N, C-alpha and C. Protein backbone atom coordinates (compact mmCIF):
# COMPACT_ATOMS: atom_id res chain seq x y z
N MET A 1 -0.38 -14.49 -10.64
CA MET A 1 -1.34 -13.22 -9.57
C MET A 1 -1.85 -12.81 -10.78
N LEU A 2 -1.89 -12.44 -11.78
CA LEU A 2 -2.38 -11.59 -12.44
C LEU A 2 -3.71 -12.76 -13.23
N GLN A 3 -4.22 -13.51 -13.21
CA GLN A 3 -5.20 -14.59 -14.05
C GLN A 3 -6.18 -14.76 -12.94
N LYS A 4 -5.11 -14.65 -11.23
CA LYS A 4 -6.25 -14.92 -9.78
C LYS A 4 -7.23 -13.42 -9.39
N LEU A 5 -6.30 -12.59 -9.74
CA LEU A 5 -7.08 -11.44 -10.01
C LEU A 5 -8.28 -11.18 -11.60
N LYS A 6 -7.93 -11.71 -12.36
CA LYS A 6 -8.37 -11.30 -13.52
C LYS A 6 -9.90 -12.79 -13.47
N ASN A 7 -9.81 -13.50 -13.24
CA ASN A 7 -10.61 -14.18 -12.54
C ASN A 7 -11.77 -13.16 -11.83
N ARG A 8 -11.04 -13.53 -10.48
CA ARG A 8 -11.75 -12.72 -9.31
C ARG A 8 -13.01 -11.45 -9.41
N TRP A 9 -12.24 -10.87 -10.42
CA TRP A 9 -12.38 -9.43 -11.32
C TRP A 9 -13.76 -9.65 -12.34
N LYS A 10 -13.65 -10.71 -12.81
CA LYS A 10 -14.18 -11.37 -14.30
C LYS A 10 -13.83 -10.45 -15.61
N ILE A 11 -12.46 -9.90 -15.39
CA ILE A 11 -12.15 -8.89 -16.03
C ILE A 11 -11.75 -10.44 -17.53
N GLU A 12 -11.57 -9.80 -18.88
CA GLU A 12 -11.23 -10.72 -19.77
C GLU A 12 -9.89 -10.76 -20.45
N SER A 13 -9.17 -9.16 -20.96
CA SER A 13 -8.57 -8.77 -21.55
C SER A 13 -7.19 -8.45 -20.54
N ASN A 14 -5.71 -8.46 -20.78
CA ASN A 14 -4.72 -7.31 -20.18
C ASN A 14 -4.99 -6.28 -20.17
N PHE A 15 -5.69 -5.83 -21.24
CA PHE A 15 -5.62 -3.94 -21.47
C PHE A 15 -6.64 -3.95 -20.59
N GLN A 16 -7.94 -4.54 -20.62
CA GLN A 16 -8.83 -3.90 -19.00
C GLN A 16 -8.58 -4.31 -17.74
N PHE A 17 -7.74 -4.88 -17.22
CA PHE A 17 -6.79 -4.97 -16.53
C PHE A 17 -5.40 -4.28 -15.74
N ILE A 18 -4.96 -3.41 -16.91
CA ILE A 18 -4.65 -1.65 -16.76
C ILE A 18 -5.19 -0.77 -17.28
N LEU A 19 -6.44 -0.93 -17.62
CA LEU A 19 -7.27 0.36 -16.96
C LEU A 19 -7.91 0.00 -15.72
N ILE A 20 -8.53 -0.70 -14.97
CA ILE A 20 -8.29 -0.88 -13.77
C ILE A 20 -7.65 -0.26 -12.58
N LEU A 21 -6.40 -0.71 -13.07
CA LEU A 21 -5.46 -0.08 -12.37
C LEU A 21 -4.73 1.45 -12.53
N ILE A 22 -5.43 2.01 -13.27
CA ILE A 22 -4.55 2.48 -13.79
C ILE A 22 -5.49 3.20 -12.66
N THR A 23 -7.12 3.00 -13.31
CA THR A 23 -8.07 4.00 -12.33
C THR A 23 -8.44 4.08 -10.58
N PHE A 24 -7.66 2.71 -10.61
CA PHE A 24 -7.30 3.19 -9.12
C PHE A 24 -5.90 3.33 -8.73
N SER A 25 -4.87 4.26 -9.86
CA SER A 25 -4.04 4.91 -9.10
C SER A 25 -4.75 6.14 -9.58
N VAL A 26 -5.18 6.44 -9.98
CA VAL A 26 -5.92 8.38 -10.43
C VAL A 26 -6.82 8.57 -9.34
N THR A 27 -7.41 7.71 -9.49
CA THR A 27 -8.35 7.97 -8.25
C THR A 27 -8.10 8.48 -7.11
N GLY A 28 -6.81 7.71 -6.14
CA GLY A 28 -5.98 7.78 -5.40
C GLY A 28 -5.61 9.34 -5.12
N SER A 29 -5.75 9.42 -6.09
CA SER A 29 -4.13 10.40 -5.87
C SER A 29 -5.63 11.47 -6.47
N LEU A 30 -6.35 11.40 -7.02
CA LEU A 30 -7.60 12.94 -7.20
C LEU A 30 -8.10 13.12 -5.90
N ALA A 31 -8.25 11.92 -5.16
CA ALA A 31 -8.77 11.31 -4.16
C ALA A 31 -8.14 12.74 -3.05
N VAL A 32 -6.62 12.68 -3.04
CA VAL A 32 -5.78 13.25 -1.86
C VAL A 32 -6.20 14.93 -2.24
N MET A 33 -5.82 14.69 -3.57
CA MET A 33 -6.18 16.05 -3.82
C MET A 33 -7.19 16.99 -3.69
N VAL A 34 -8.09 16.23 -3.70
CA VAL A 34 -9.57 16.90 -3.92
C VAL A 34 -9.82 18.16 -2.37
N ARG A 35 -8.68 16.99 -1.24
CA ARG A 35 -8.60 17.35 0.01
C ARG A 35 -8.08 18.92 0.24
N ARG A 36 -7.28 19.08 -0.45
CA ARG A 36 -6.19 20.30 -0.18
C ARG A 36 -7.23 21.81 -0.07
N PRO A 37 -7.89 21.51 -1.09
CA PRO A 37 -9.67 22.73 -1.14
C PRO A 37 -10.17 22.96 0.09
N ILE A 38 -10.59 21.86 0.38
CA ILE A 38 -11.29 21.93 1.23
C ILE A 38 -10.79 22.21 2.62
N PHE A 39 -9.21 21.81 3.06
CA PHE A 39 -8.66 22.26 4.18
C PHE A 39 -8.29 23.66 3.85
N GLU A 40 -8.04 24.03 3.01
CA GLU A 40 -8.06 25.81 2.50
C GLU A 40 -9.17 26.56 2.79
N TYR A 41 -10.18 26.00 2.53
CA TYR A 41 -11.50 26.48 2.92
C TYR A 41 -11.78 26.72 4.21
N LEU A 42 -11.33 25.62 4.80
CA LEU A 42 -11.90 25.17 6.78
C LEU A 42 -10.73 25.61 7.88
N SER A 43 -9.75 26.42 6.67
CA SER A 43 -8.79 27.12 7.58
C SER A 43 -7.73 25.59 7.87
N ILE A 44 -7.75 24.77 7.84
CA ILE A 44 -6.72 23.56 7.88
C ILE A 44 -5.85 24.23 7.59
N ASP A 45 -4.72 23.87 8.45
CA ASP A 45 -3.78 23.85 8.19
C ASP A 45 -2.24 23.12 8.96
N SER A 46 -0.99 23.30 8.46
CA SER A 46 0.03 22.95 9.27
C SER A 46 0.12 22.72 10.76
N THR A 47 -0.75 23.72 11.00
CA THR A 47 -0.92 24.79 13.04
C THR A 47 -1.97 24.29 13.58
N THR A 48 -2.76 22.96 13.05
CA THR A 48 -3.90 22.08 12.91
C THR A 48 -3.26 20.92 13.62
N SER A 49 -4.24 20.90 15.10
CA SER A 49 -3.70 19.89 15.71
C SER A 49 -4.32 17.93 14.83
N LEU A 50 -3.46 17.51 15.10
CA LEU A 50 -3.38 15.91 14.01
C LEU A 50 -4.59 14.94 14.10
N TRP A 51 -5.32 15.61 15.63
CA TRP A 51 -6.91 14.67 16.26
C TRP A 51 -8.05 15.63 16.03
N ILE A 52 -7.47 16.52 14.44
CA ILE A 52 -8.48 17.20 13.68
C ILE A 52 -8.37 16.68 12.40
N LYS A 53 -6.91 16.81 11.97
CA LYS A 53 -6.60 16.70 10.72
C LYS A 53 -6.64 15.14 9.94
N ILE A 54 -6.67 14.35 10.39
CA ILE A 54 -7.16 13.42 10.62
C ILE A 54 -8.57 13.01 10.27
N PRO A 55 -8.81 13.07 11.27
CA PRO A 55 -10.75 12.41 11.46
C PRO A 55 -10.74 13.17 10.17
N MET A 56 -10.84 14.28 10.42
CA MET A 56 -10.97 15.35 8.48
C MET A 56 -10.50 14.91 7.21
N SER A 57 -9.85 13.99 7.71
CA SER A 57 -9.36 13.23 5.53
C SER A 57 -10.01 12.62 5.89
N ILE A 58 -9.75 11.30 6.12
CA ILE A 58 -11.07 10.41 6.21
C ILE A 58 -12.40 10.42 6.34
N LEU A 59 -12.76 11.59 6.84
CA LEU A 59 -14.42 11.95 6.33
C LEU A 59 -14.33 12.72 4.87
N ILE A 60 -13.43 13.47 4.07
CA ILE A 60 -13.16 14.43 3.06
C ILE A 60 -12.30 13.11 2.01
N ILE A 61 -11.18 12.31 2.13
CA ILE A 61 -11.16 11.70 1.20
C ILE A 61 -12.15 9.84 1.15
N THR A 62 -12.70 9.50 1.91
CA THR A 62 -13.68 8.75 1.47
C THR A 62 -14.19 8.70 0.56
N PRO A 63 -15.61 9.40 1.00
CA PRO A 63 -16.43 10.19 0.18
C PRO A 63 -15.74 10.19 -1.30
N SER A 64 -15.10 11.18 -1.92
CA SER A 64 -14.61 11.72 -2.57
C SER A 64 -13.79 10.25 -3.33
N TYR A 65 -13.31 9.77 -2.85
CA TYR A 65 -13.24 8.09 -3.18
C TYR A 65 -13.78 8.19 -3.62
N GLN A 66 -14.83 7.69 -3.33
CA GLN A 66 -16.15 6.23 -3.86
C GLN A 66 -16.84 6.97 -5.01
N VAL A 67 -16.73 8.43 -5.36
CA VAL A 67 -17.23 9.67 -6.05
C VAL A 67 -16.55 9.05 -7.66
N LEU A 68 -14.97 9.29 -7.37
CA LEU A 68 -14.94 9.79 -8.49
C LEU A 68 -14.17 8.26 -9.34
N LEU A 69 -13.95 7.10 -8.51
CA LEU A 69 -13.86 6.11 -8.62
C LEU A 69 -14.54 5.35 -9.70
N VAL A 70 -15.53 6.30 -9.34
CA VAL A 70 -16.98 5.70 -10.46
C VAL A 70 -16.28 6.52 -11.73
N ILE A 71 -16.86 8.01 -11.86
CA ILE A 71 -16.36 8.84 -12.44
C ILE A 71 -15.51 8.51 -13.87
N VAL A 72 -13.80 8.41 -12.68
CA VAL A 72 -12.90 8.02 -13.64
C VAL A 72 -12.81 6.44 -13.92
N GLY A 73 -13.03 5.99 -13.40
CA GLY A 73 -13.46 4.67 -14.19
C GLY A 73 -14.93 4.45 -16.14
N SER A 74 -15.54 5.40 -15.47
CA SER A 74 -16.50 5.41 -16.39
C SER A 74 -15.84 6.25 -17.68
N VAL A 75 -14.48 7.49 -17.79
CA VAL A 75 -13.75 7.77 -18.09
C VAL A 75 -13.24 6.85 -18.96
N LEU A 76 -12.68 6.62 -18.17
CA LEU A 76 -11.32 5.38 -18.82
C LEU A 76 -12.44 4.16 -19.04
N GLY A 77 -13.60 3.56 -19.62
CA GLY A 77 -14.67 2.65 -20.67
C GLY A 77 -14.77 1.63 -19.55
N GLN A 78 -14.88 1.75 -18.26
CA GLN A 78 -14.67 0.29 -17.05
C GLN A 78 -15.83 0.57 -16.02
N HIS A 79 -16.75 1.59 -16.89
CA HIS A 79 -18.15 1.87 -15.50
C HIS A 79 -19.01 0.25 -15.27
N LYS A 80 -18.90 -0.48 -15.94
CA LYS A 80 -19.90 -1.55 -15.88
C LYS A 80 -19.18 -2.37 -14.99
N PHE A 81 -17.68 -2.31 -14.38
CA PHE A 81 -16.79 -2.97 -13.53
C PHE A 81 -17.12 -1.80 -12.20
N PHE A 82 -16.75 -0.89 -12.59
CA PHE A 82 -16.86 0.07 -11.24
C PHE A 82 -18.00 0.56 -10.70
N TRP A 83 -19.08 0.22 -11.28
CA TRP A 83 -20.25 0.59 -10.40
C TRP A 83 -20.47 -0.60 -10.09
N ALA A 84 -20.42 -1.73 -10.20
CA ALA A 84 -20.63 -3.35 -9.14
C ALA A 84 -19.75 -2.99 -8.47
N PHE A 85 -18.37 -2.59 -9.06
CA PHE A 85 -17.30 -2.53 -6.97
C PHE A 85 -17.92 -1.43 -6.24
N GLU A 86 -18.40 -0.05 -6.15
CA GLU A 86 -18.69 0.33 -5.64
C GLU A 86 -19.58 0.04 -4.79
N LYS A 87 -20.83 -0.73 -5.87
CA LYS A 87 -21.85 -1.23 -5.39
C LYS A 87 -21.54 -2.69 -3.68
N LYS A 88 -21.13 -3.38 -3.75
CA LYS A 88 -20.36 -4.50 -3.15
C LYS A 88 -19.44 -3.10 -1.72
N MET A 89 -18.62 -2.15 -2.49
CA MET A 89 -17.68 -1.15 -1.51
C MET A 89 -19.18 -0.66 -0.46
N LEU A 90 -20.40 0.09 -0.99
CA LEU A 90 -21.47 1.06 -0.19
C LEU A 90 -21.48 -0.89 0.96
N ASN A 91 -22.05 -2.14 0.43
CA ASN A 91 -22.88 -2.61 0.86
C ASN A 91 -21.70 -2.96 2.29
N ARG A 92 -20.52 -2.50 2.09
CA ARG A 92 -19.55 -3.74 3.18
C ARG A 92 -19.86 -1.80 4.22
N PHE A 93 -20.24 -1.13 3.87
CA PHE A 93 -20.14 0.07 5.14
C PHE A 93 -21.35 -0.12 5.71
N GLN A 94 -22.38 -0.59 4.84
CA GLN A 94 -24.00 -0.99 5.85
C GLN A 94 -23.68 -1.19 7.43
N PHE A 95 -24.79 -1.25 7.80
CA PHE A 95 -24.58 -1.90 9.37
C PHE A 95 -25.80 -3.16 9.37
N LYS A 96 -25.50 -4.64 9.14
CA LYS A 96 -25.85 -5.38 9.10
C LYS A 96 -26.25 -5.96 10.14
N LYS A 97 -28.37 -6.01 9.84
CA LYS A 97 -29.01 -6.14 11.14
C LYS A 97 -28.97 -7.51 11.69
N LYS A 98 -28.80 -7.61 13.55
CA LYS A 98 -28.91 -8.85 13.89
C LYS A 98 -30.22 -9.58 13.77
N LYS A 99 -30.06 -10.79 13.37
CA LYS A 99 -31.39 -11.95 13.41
C LYS A 99 -31.80 -12.46 15.05
N ILE A 100 -32.85 -11.87 15.57
CA ILE A 100 -33.27 -12.47 17.04
C ILE A 100 -33.46 -13.47 16.68
N ASP A 101 -33.64 -14.23 17.20
CA ASP A 101 -33.51 -15.84 17.49
C ASP A 101 -35.08 -15.36 18.41
N ALA A 102 -36.28 -16.84 17.66
CA ALA A 102 -37.25 -16.73 18.24
C ALA A 102 -37.69 -18.14 19.30
C-alpha cells in the first residue's frame, strides 16, 4: 500500500512520504482550531442550532484547510507536492461546462 501511494503521488523517499502525512495531520488539526475564534467572534456557541453550526463549520474549515495545506507543506519542504495537490483539488471544485452537440 505504501508503494502504491508513493507511485501515485510520484514521491521517491519514505521520508518525503512521512512529511506529507505529517502535513495532512497538522493541517486538519489547524483548520479545526481556526474555526474556534471565528465561532467566538460570530457568537456561535453550544446553544446555536446545528443547522447553523454545521454549514458554518464547512464554510470556515474548507478554505482554511486549503490555505493551511500549502503553508504547512511549504514549511516542511513539500511546497511542490502540495501546490500541485492544491491545483488538482481546486479543479475538482470548479463547475465543468457542458458541451452542446451541434
